[in-house]
Amino acid sequence: MDELRMIAGGPCRGDDDDKCGNGDCPTVYATPEPGMLAVQGYDVVHPTPDGESVVLIPEEILKEAARARGWL
């Protein structure tokens, strides 16, 4: 995938903001592909087709992404 642009979540803003414990939290990215977003999250064990994954991300990150896209 070409360039991803962070629109929600991402690196923690400081020591007191590191809710995920590793300095790089779940993130939603805009992609160059029209109508597609990329999501970084916590792995979930769930059967998926080859090339797909299921990840968990906090609901607030999705809301932040929706606001960034002008959907809310």
C-alpha atoms as a PDB file:
ATOM      1  CA  MET A   1       0.000   0.000   0.000  1.00  0.00           C
ATOM      2  CA  ASP A   2       1.294   3.444  -0.840  1.00  0.00           C
ATOM      3  CA  GLU A   3       1.337   6.309   1.614  1.00  0.00           C
ATOM      4  CA  LEU A   4      -0.939   6.184   4.652  1.00  0.00           C
ATOM      5  CA  ARG A   5      -1.999   9.397   6.402  1.00  0.00           C
ATOM      6  CA  MET A   6      -2.982   9.219  10.073  1.00  0.00           C
ATOM      7  CA  ILE A   7      -6.444  10.670  10.714  1.00  0.00           C
ATOM      8  CA  ALA A   8      -7.179   9.324  14.216  1.00  0.00           C
ATOM      9  CA  GLY A   9      -5.334   7.706  17.108  1.00  0.00           C
ATOM     10  CA  GLY A  10      -1.628   7.157  16.599  1.00  0.00           C
ATOM     11  CA  PRO A  11       1.388   7.874  18.772  1.00  0.00           C
ATOM     12  CA  CYS A  12       0.647   8.775  22.359  1.00  0.00           C
ATOM     13  CA  ARG A  13       0.942  12.447  23.193  1.00  0.00           C
ATOM     14  CA  GLY A  14       2.933  11.935  26.398  1.00  0.00           C
ATOM     15  CA  ASP A  15       3.612   9.548  29.273  1.00  0.00           C
ATOM     16  CA  ASP A  16       0.171  10.158  30.784  1.00  0.00           C
ATOM     17  CA  ASP A  17      -1.544   9.434  27.418  1.00  0.00           C
ATOM     18  CA  ASP A  18      -0.063   5.968  26.805  1.00  0.00           C
ATOM     19  CA  LYS A  19      -3.231   3.927  27.412  1.00  0.00           C
ATOM     20  CA  CYS A  20      -1.948   1.094  25.230  1.00  0.00           C
ATOM     21  CA  GLY A  21       1.375   0.764  27.075  1.00  0.00           C
ATOM     22  CA  ASN A  22       3.718   0.785  24.074  1.00  0.00           C
ATOM     23  CA  GLY A  23       3.731   4.374  22.826  1.00  0.00           C
ATOM     24  CA  ASP A  24       1.925   3.614  19.556  1.00  0.00           C
ATOM     25  CA  CYS A  25      -1.818   3.138  19.955  1.00  0.00           C
ATOM     26  CA  PRO A  26      -4.561   1.962  17.577  1.00  0.00           C
ATOM     27  CA  THR A  27      -4.764   4.225  14.540  1.00  0.00           C
ATOM     28  CA  VAL A  28      -7.020   4.934  11.559  1.00  0.00           C
ATOM     29  CA  TYR A  29      -5.301   5.992   8.319  1.00  0.00           C
ATOM     30  CA  ALA A  30      -6.572   7.577   5.117  1.00  0.00           C
ATOM     31  CA  THR A  31      -5.271   5.752   2.052  1.00  0.00           C
ATOM     32  CA  PRO A  32      -4.704   6.832  -1.553  1.00  0.00           C
ATOM     33  CA  GLU A  33      -7.314   4.242  -2.575  1.00  0.00           C
ATOM     34  CA  PRO A  34     -10.723   5.988  -2.873  1.00  0.00           C
ATOM     35  CA  GLY A  35     -13.247   4.948  -0.253  1.00  0.00           C
ATOM     36  CA  MET A  36     -10.747   2.874   1.775  1.00  0.00           C
ATOM     37  CA  LEU A  37      -9.292   3.380   5.263  1.00  0.00           C
ATOM     38  CA  ALA A  38      -6.535   1.366   6.953  1.00  0.00           C
ATOM     39  CA  VAL A  39      -6.793   0.412  10.639  1.00  0.00           C
ATOM     40  CA  GLN A  40      -4.051  -0.539  13.099  1.00  0.00           C
ATOM     41  CA  GLY A  41      -5.310  -2.302  16.215  1.00  0.00           C
ATOM     42  CA  TYR A  42      -4.925  -5.181  18.603  1.00  0.00           C
ATOM     43  CA  ASP A  43      -4.929  -8.646  16.999  1.00  0.00           C
ATOM     44  CA  VAL A  44      -8.031 -10.778  17.502  1.00  0.00           C
ATOM     45  CA  VAL A  45      -8.010 -14.524  16.980  1.00  0.00           C
ATOM     46  CA  HIS A  46     -10.819 -14.982  14.489  1.00  0.00           C
ATOM     47  CA  PRO A  47     -10.923 -16.962  11.229  1.00  0.00           C
ATOM     48  CA  THR A  48     -10.566 -14.715   8.175  1.00  0.00           C
ATOM     49  CA  PRO A  49      -9.854 -15.163   4.470  1.00  0.00           C
ATOM     50  CA  ASP A  50      -6.213 -15.010   3.373  1.00  0.00           C
ATOM     51  CA  GLY A  51      -4.914 -11.442   3.434  1.00  0.00           C
ATOM     52  CA  GLU A  52      -7.469 -10.184   5.984  1.00  0.00           C
ATOM     53  CA  SER A  53      -7.255  -9.632   9.756  1.00  0.00           C
ATOM     54  CA  VAL A  54      -9.625  -8.705  12.542  1.00  0.00           C
ATOM     55  CA  VAL A  55      -8.362  -6.065  14.971  1.00  0.00           C
ATOM     56  CA  LEU A  56      -9.793  -4.292  17.982  1.00  0.00           C
ATOM     57  CA  ILE A  57      -9.679  -0.525  18.276  1.00  0.00           C
ATOM     58  CA  PRO A  58     -11.330   1.730  20.837  1.00  0.00           C
ATOM     59  CA  GLU A  59     -14.683   3.155  19.776  1.00  0.00           C
ATOM     60  CA  GLU A  60     -13.361   6.672  20.449  1.00  0.00           C
ATOM     61  CA  ILE A  61     -10.756   6.221  17.698  1.00  0.00           C
ATOM     62  CA  LEU A  62     -13.500   5.428  15.169  1.00  0.00           C
ATOM     63  CA  LYS A  63     -15.467   8.478  16.310  1.00  0.00           C
ATOM     64  CA  GLU A  64     -12.330  10.620  15.967  1.00  0.00           C
ATOM     65  CA  ALA A  65     -11.805   9.265  12.435  1.00  0.00           C
ATOM     66  CA  ALA A  66     -15.449   9.973  11.519  1.00  0.00           C
ATOM     67  CA  ARG A  67     -15.090  13.574  12.727  1.00  0.00           C
ATOM     68  CA  ALA A  68     -11.804  13.952  10.799  1.00  0.00           C
ATOM     69  CA  ARG A  69     -13.576  12.802   7.625  1.00  0.00           C
ATOM     70  CA  GLY A  70     -16.504  15.175   8.243  1.00  0.00           C
ATOM     71  CA  TRP A  71     -18.973  12.322   8.778  1.00  0.00           C
ATOM     72  CA  LEU A  72     -20.083  13.551  12.235  1.00  0.00           C
END
